[in-house]
Amino acid sequence: MSPLIVTVAAFIGVAALVGGVAVLLRGNSNPEVEDRLDVLTGSSSAGTGDAMVKKNSVLAQPLESGTNVLEQLVSRFGNVQLLFEQADVSLSFSKFAAITAGTGLAGGTAFGLAGLPAALVPFMGIAAAGLPLAWVLVRRKRRLKKFASQLPDALELISRALRAGHSLAAGFNLVASEMNEPINREFGRVFEEQNLGIPFDEALDSMTERVPNLDLKFFSTAIILQRQTGGDLAEILDKIGRLIRERYQIWGQVQALTGEGRLSGVVLLALPPVLFLAVYRLNPDYVMVLFTEEMGRKMLIAGAIMQLLGAIVIRKIVNIKV
């Protein structure tokens, strides 16, 4: 039997086994729906205080917010829903896991049909399965970068609104109505939350959790301190905005000076795998020694470790925080 068929069959079998176990552990009942129906129909045996607690914890959340077993396991290593929210991706974790599994299977099959060695097909499948996560991370990075670039203009807009006699909440609403994504959505969410009765300080804290930006934390801290101690908030916002713009200017100069180092790092890190594929295309027997011989496998592992260490060192050199 062909090694490719065995590899693909094993991958499908393991994926089906994991999916079946997850479905069995999840069960058919939906406690979120049952609790919501009990509260709405009044059939719950709890008292008034318990009913209010259940109402706040069940009715305040959408039905789709329930987590399955797989998501609970992954949540131990990080907040997946927060990652999706920061990347502005409207996907549930179950759909994302299905897309990841499908991408890995398709990638492994495609590389296997392309004629690569059977030993490399699982690794290529794993690499292909990481593409959806890489896409989410890139989307998150772009969104946070755009938010950071919009923040000085938003601060100046709020400062001008305060000088014109508007309230701070009206300044947030002005940012939500006048500026573009993603900053208008975040500031508009703070405005809507405080309109619905959430304290303004808690709404600001929630925004700083959703958007991990240091300048935004400075802005939130300045507002909280001003509300407690008083002061000219418009002048404070002008100074914060000017500080952000100056730091961006310095960051641009640093990026220009380290551009050669970043390009050299990309070339040095991409050269070994590209050269491997080229030699494999010209003379497969020449590079298969790395997989068939014991010394070749040791050299391959050592080369991969050195590549990783080189990438870390180059990143440390060119990544200068401003």
Protein backbone atom coordinates (compact mmCIF):
# COMPACT_ATOMS: atom_id res chain seq x y z
CA MET A 1 0.00 0.00 0.00
CA SER A 2 1.23 3.51 -0.79
CA PRO A 3 2.70 5.44 2.17
CA LEU A 4 0.67 8.48 1.10
CA ILE A 5 -2.60 6.57 1.43
CA VAL A 6 -1.57 5.26 4.85
CA THR A 7 -0.64 8.77 6.03
CA VAL A 8 -3.88 10.34 4.81
CA ALA A 9 -5.97 7.52 6.29
CA ALA A 10 -4.23 7.87 9.65
CA PHE A 11 -4.80 11.64 9.64
CA ILE A 12 -8.50 11.23 8.85
CA GLY A 13 -8.89 8.53 11.50
CA VAL A 14 -7.28 10.62 14.25
CA ALA A 15 -9.34 13.70 13.31
CA ALA A 16 -12.56 11.65 13.34
CA LEU A 17 -11.65 10.12 16.70
CA VAL A 18 -10.99 13.52 18.29
CA GLY A 19 -14.24 14.92 16.86
CA GLY A 20 -16.25 11.94 18.09
CA VAL A 21 -14.84 12.15 21.60
CA ALA A 22 -15.59 15.89 21.70
CA VAL A 23 -19.19 15.31 20.62
CA LEU A 24 -19.70 12.54 23.20
CA LEU A 25 -18.27 14.65 25.99
CA ARG A 26 -20.37 17.63 25.00
CA GLY A 27 -23.65 15.70 25.14
CA ASN A 28 -27.04 16.55 23.68
CA SER A 29 -28.36 18.78 26.44
CA ASN A 30 -27.95 22.54 26.38
CA PRO A 31 -27.93 23.90 29.95
CA GLU A 32 -27.86 27.51 28.71
CA VAL A 33 -31.19 27.08 26.90
CA GLU A 34 -32.75 25.15 29.79
CA ASP A 35 -31.74 27.78 32.36
CA ARG A 36 -33.07 30.57 30.18
CA LEU A 37 -36.42 28.81 29.71
CA ASP A 38 -36.68 28.17 33.47
CA VAL A 39 -36.16 31.84 34.24
CA LEU A 40 -38.57 33.06 31.56
CA THR A 41 -41.35 30.63 32.51
CA GLY A 42 -40.87 31.08 36.24
CA SER A 43 -40.56 27.34 36.80
CA SER A 44 -37.31 27.69 38.67
CA SER A 45 -37.50 26.74 42.32
CA ALA A 46 -34.96 29.35 43.34
CA GLY A 47 -35.96 32.42 45.31
CA THR A 48 -36.12 35.99 44.11
CA GLY A 49 -32.46 36.69 44.82
CA ASP A 50 -31.31 33.52 43.09
CA ALA A 51 -33.59 34.24 40.15
CA MET A 52 -32.02 37.69 39.72
CA VAL A 53 -28.55 36.18 39.80
CA LYS A 54 -29.59 33.59 37.23
CA LYS A 55 -31.20 36.29 35.13
CA ASN A 56 -28.01 38.33 35.10
CA SER A 57 -25.84 35.35 34.31
CA VAL A 58 -28.06 33.59 31.75
CA LEU A 59 -30.32 36.12 30.08
CA ALA A 60 -27.55 38.69 29.68
CA GLN A 61 -25.57 36.34 27.44
CA PRO A 62 -26.49 35.12 23.96
CA LEU A 63 -27.22 31.47 23.41
CA GLU A 64 -24.16 31.12 21.17
CA SER A 65 -21.82 32.08 24.04
CA GLY A 66 -21.75 28.56 25.46
CA THR A 67 -18.43 26.77 25.27
CA ASN A 68 -17.82 23.16 24.34
CA VAL A 69 -15.26 20.81 25.79
CA LEU A 70 -12.61 21.56 23.18
CA GLU A 71 -12.92 25.30 23.71
CA GLN A 72 -12.68 24.85 27.47
CA LEU A 73 -9.45 22.91 27.04
CA VAL A 74 -7.95 25.53 24.73
CA SER A 75 -9.09 28.38 27.01
CA ARG A 76 -6.58 27.18 29.60
CA PHE A 77 -3.80 28.38 27.31
CA GLY A 78 -5.43 31.67 26.26
CA ASN A 79 -8.68 33.53 25.64
CA VAL A 80 -9.71 32.39 22.18
CA GLN A 81 -12.82 34.56 21.94
CA LEU A 82 -10.80 37.65 22.88
CA LEU A 83 -8.36 36.80 20.10
CA PHE A 84 -11.22 36.56 17.60
CA GLU A 85 -12.66 39.83 18.88
CA GLN A 86 -9.34 41.63 18.56
CA ALA A 87 -8.96 40.31 15.02
CA ASP A 88 -12.59 41.25 14.19
CA VAL A 89 -13.34 37.68 13.10
CA SER A 90 -16.96 36.53 13.43
CA LEU A 91 -16.22 32.83 13.88
CA SER A 92 -17.01 30.44 16.67
CA PHE A 93 -14.26 28.22 17.96
CA SER A 94 -15.96 25.11 16.56
CA LYS A 95 -16.01 26.55 13.05
CA PHE A 96 -12.42 27.71 13.38
CA ALA A 97 -11.33 24.25 14.53
CA ALA A 98 -13.16 22.68 11.57
CA ILE A 99 -11.48 25.10 9.15
CA THR A 100 -8.09 24.33 10.71
CA ALA A 101 -8.60 20.56 10.40
CA GLY A 102 -9.81 20.90 6.80
CA THR A 103 -6.86 23.09 5.85
CA GLY A 104 -4.41 20.64 7.39
CA LEU A 105 -5.98 17.69 5.60
CA ALA A 106 -6.08 19.52 2.26
CA GLY A 107 -2.51 20.73 2.65
CA GLY A 108 -1.17 17.30 3.56
CA THR A 109 -3.01 15.69 0.65
CA ALA A 110 -1.81 18.33 -1.80
CA PHE A 111 1.82 18.01 -0.75
CA GLY A 112 1.54 14.23 -0.88
CA LEU A 113 0.17 14.30 -4.41
CA ALA A 114 2.94 16.74 -5.39
CA GLY A 115 5.47 13.98 -4.90
CA LEU A 116 7.10 14.93 -1.59
CA PRO A 117 8.48 12.13 0.61
CA ALA A 118 5.90 10.43 2.78
CA ALA A 119 7.88 11.37 5.89
CA LEU A 120 7.37 15.07 5.13
CA VAL A 121 3.62 14.89 4.44
CA PRO A 122 2.50 15.00 8.13
CA PHE A 123 4.74 17.98 8.82
CA MET A 124 3.40 19.77 5.76
CA GLY A 125 -0.15 19.02 6.93
CA ILE A 126 0.59 20.49 10.35
CA ALA A 127 2.12 23.57 8.73
CA ALA A 128 -0.96 23.97 6.52
CA ALA A 129 -3.22 23.57 9.57
CA GLY A 130 -1.47 26.56 11.14
CA LEU A 131 -2.41 28.86 8.26
CA PRO A 132 -5.86 29.86 9.68
CA LEU A 133 -4.28 30.78 13.02
CA ALA A 134 -1.57 32.75 11.21
CA TRP A 135 -4.29 34.59 9.27
CA VAL A 136 -6.10 35.50 12.51
CA LEU A 137 -2.87 36.73 14.12
CA VAL A 138 -1.98 38.84 11.08
CA ARG A 139 -5.48 40.30 10.99
CA ARG A 140 -5.28 41.07 14.71
CA LYS A 141 -1.89 42.75 14.30
CA ARG A 142 -3.15 44.93 11.44
CA ARG A 143 -6.27 45.94 13.35
CA LEU A 144 -4.34 46.87 16.49
CA LYS A 145 -1.78 48.78 14.40
CA LYS A 146 -4.53 50.74 12.69
CA PHE A 147 -6.15 51.48 16.05
CA ALA A 148 -2.85 52.82 17.38
CA SER A 149 -2.44 55.09 14.36
CA GLN A 150 -5.98 56.46 14.82
CA LEU A 151 -5.63 57.11 18.55
CA PRO A 152 -3.90 60.55 18.36
CA ASP A 153 -6.64 61.90 16.08
CA ALA A 154 -9.30 60.52 18.42
CA LEU A 155 -7.67 62.19 21.43
CA GLU A 156 -7.52 65.52 19.62
CA LEU A 157 -11.16 65.16 18.61
CA ILE A 158 -12.22 64.51 22.22
CA SER A 159 -10.06 67.42 23.39
CA ARG A 160 -11.73 69.82 20.95
CA ALA A 161 -15.15 68.52 22.00
CA LEU A 162 -14.35 69.19 25.66
CA ARG A 163 -13.16 72.72 24.87
CA ALA A 164 -16.40 73.31 22.95
CA GLY A 165 -18.40 72.49 26.08
CA HIS A 166 -19.40 68.89 25.38
CA SER A 167 -19.19 66.13 27.95
CA LEU A 168 -16.64 63.32 27.85
CA ALA A 169 -19.31 60.81 26.82
CA ALA A 170 -20.32 63.11 23.96
CA GLY A 171 -16.67 63.16 22.89
CA PHE A 172 -16.65 59.37 22.74
CA ASN A 173 -19.85 59.45 20.69
CA LEU A 174 -18.23 61.99 18.35
CA VAL A 175 -15.29 59.63 17.77
CA ALA A 176 -17.70 56.77 17.09
CA SER A 177 -19.64 58.79 14.51
CA GLU A 178 -16.80 60.67 12.80
CA MET A 179 -13.92 58.21 12.60
CA ASN A 180 -13.43 54.92 10.79
CA GLU A 181 -12.91 51.33 11.89
CA PRO A 182 -11.69 50.01 14.25
CA ILE A 183 -11.52 52.92 16.69
CA ASN A 184 -15.09 54.07 16.11
CA ARG A 185 -16.44 50.67 17.16
CA GLU A 186 -14.44 50.53 20.39
CA PHE A 187 -15.25 54.09 21.46
CA GLY A 188 -18.87 53.64 20.42
CA ARG A 189 -19.06 50.51 22.55
CA VAL A 190 -17.84 52.46 25.58
CA PHE A 191 -20.46 55.14 24.90
CA GLU A 192 -23.26 52.56 24.61
CA GLU A 193 -22.13 50.71 27.75
CA GLN A 194 -22.20 53.84 29.88
CA ASN A 195 -25.61 54.71 28.43
CA LEU A 196 -26.87 51.31 29.57
CA GLY A 197 -25.76 51.95 33.15
CA ILE A 198 -22.26 50.52 33.30
CA PRO A 199 -19.89 52.84 35.18
CA PHE A 200 -17.64 54.81 32.84
CA ASP A 201 -14.48 53.54 34.56
CA GLU A 202 -15.52 49.90 34.04
CA ALA A 203 -16.33 50.56 30.38
CA LEU A 204 -12.85 52.06 29.91
CA ASP A 205 -11.23 49.09 31.64
CA SER A 206 -13.10 46.72 29.33
CA MET A 207 -11.84 48.62 26.30
CA THR A 208 -8.24 48.42 27.51
CA GLU A 209 -8.67 44.66 27.91
CA ARG A 210 -10.04 44.29 24.39
CA VAL A 211 -7.33 46.53 22.90
CA PRO A 212 -3.88 45.83 24.40
CA ASN A 213 -2.39 49.25 23.63
CA LEU A 214 -0.10 51.07 26.07
CA ASP A 215 -1.17 54.53 24.89
CA LEU A 216 -4.80 53.59 25.40
CA LYS A 217 -3.97 52.57 28.97
CA PHE A 218 -2.37 55.98 29.54
CA PHE A 219 -5.52 57.58 28.15
CA SER A 220 -7.79 55.49 30.36
CA THR A 221 -5.68 56.17 33.46
CA ALA A 222 -5.70 59.91 32.75
CA ILE A 223 -9.49 59.95 32.47
CA ILE A 224 -9.97 57.95 35.68
CA LEU A 225 -7.58 60.20 37.63
CA GLN A 226 -9.19 63.34 36.25
CA ARG A 227 -12.64 62.14 37.28
CA GLN A 228 -11.36 61.50 40.81
CA THR A 229 -9.07 64.48 41.36
CA GLY A 230 -10.11 67.03 38.72
CA GLY A 231 -7.97 68.99 36.28
CA ASP A 232 -7.90 70.13 32.68
CA LEU A 233 -8.61 66.92 30.77
CA ALA A 234 -8.41 68.64 27.37
CA GLU A 235 -4.81 69.71 27.99
CA ILE A 236 -3.90 66.24 29.23
CA LEU A 237 -5.32 64.65 26.09
CA ASP A 238 -3.41 67.11 23.90
CA LYS A 239 -0.15 66.17 25.62
CA ILE A 240 -0.83 62.44 25.30
CA GLY A 241 -1.65 62.83 21.60
CA ARG A 242 1.50 64.86 20.98
CA LEU A 243 3.58 62.27 22.83
CA ILE A 244 2.12 59.47 20.70
CA ARG A 245 2.88 61.34 17.47
CA GLU A 246 6.49 62.02 18.50
CA ARG A 247 7.01 58.39 19.43
CA TYR A 248 5.62 57.31 16.07
CA GLN A 249 8.10 59.63 14.39
CA ILE A 250 11.00 58.06 16.30
CA TRP A 251 9.65 54.59 15.53
CA GLY A 252 9.64 55.40 11.83
CA GLN A 253 13.27 56.46 11.98
CA VAL A 254 14.18 53.23 13.79
CA GLN A 255 12.35 51.18 11.17
CA ALA A 256 14.28 52.92 8.41
CA LEU A 257 17.63 52.26 10.11
CA THR A 258 16.86 48.58 10.80
CA GLY A 259 15.36 47.86 7.36
CA GLU A 260 18.59 46.35 6.04
CA GLY A 261 18.84 44.03 9.03
CA ARG A 262 15.26 42.83 8.61
CA LEU A 263 15.77 42.15 4.92
CA SER A 264 18.98 40.23 5.65
CA GLY A 265 17.13 38.14 8.22
CA VAL A 266 14.38 37.25 5.75
CA VAL A 267 16.93 36.23 3.11
CA LEU A 268 19.05 34.15 5.50
CA LEU A 269 16.01 32.36 6.99
CA ALA A 270 14.39 31.65 3.62
CA LEU A 271 17.56 30.49 1.86
CA PRO A 272 17.90 26.95 3.40
CA PRO A 273 14.32 25.73 2.71
CA VAL A 274 14.29 27.26 -0.79
CA LEU A 275 17.66 25.69 -1.57
CA PHE A 276 16.41 22.34 -0.22
CA LEU A 277 13.36 22.40 -2.51
CA ALA A 278 15.49 23.39 -5.51
CA VAL A 279 18.01 20.59 -4.95
CA TYR A 280 15.21 18.09 -4.29
CA ARG A 281 13.64 19.07 -7.59
CA LEU A 282 16.93 18.61 -9.46
CA ASN A 283 18.33 15.55 -7.66
CA PRO A 284 16.02 13.94 -5.07
CA ASP A 285 18.47 11.18 -4.13
CA TYR A 286 21.05 13.76 -3.10
CA VAL A 287 18.90 15.28 -0.33
CA MET A 288 17.12 12.09 0.73
CA VAL A 289 20.29 11.11 2.57
CA LEU A 290 19.20 13.61 5.23
CA PHE A 291 16.17 11.41 5.95
CA THR A 292 17.51 7.91 5.34
CA GLU A 293 20.85 8.12 7.18
CA GLU A 294 21.25 8.54 10.93
CA MET A 295 23.87 11.24 10.53
CA GLY A 296 21.66 13.05 8.01
CA ARG A 297 18.74 13.16 10.44
CA LYS A 298 20.99 14.54 13.15
CA MET A 299 22.29 17.20 10.79
CA LEU A 300 18.73 18.09 9.80
CA ILE A 301 17.65 18.50 13.42
CA ALA A 302 20.75 20.55 14.22
CA GLY A 303 20.12 22.76 11.19
CA ALA A 304 16.49 23.37 12.21
CA ILE A 305 17.57 24.29 15.76
CA MET A 306 20.23 26.67 14.45
CA GLN A 307 17.68 28.26 12.09
CA LEU A 308 15.34 28.85 15.03
CA LEU A 309 18.11 30.33 17.18
CA GLY A 310 19.18 32.55 14.28
CA ALA A 311 15.63 33.82 13.82
CA ILE A 312 15.39 34.66 17.53
CA VAL A 313 18.75 36.49 17.53
CA ILE A 314 17.93 38.50 14.39
CA ARG A 315 14.54 39.43 15.81
CA LYS A 316 16.16 40.64 19.02
CA ILE A 317 18.60 42.78 17.03
CA VAL A 318 16.10 44.49 14.73
CA ASN A 319 13.12 44.67 17.12
CA ILE A 320 13.81 47.91 18.98
CA LYS A 321 11.00 49.08 21.23
CA VAL A 322 10.26 52.78 21.24
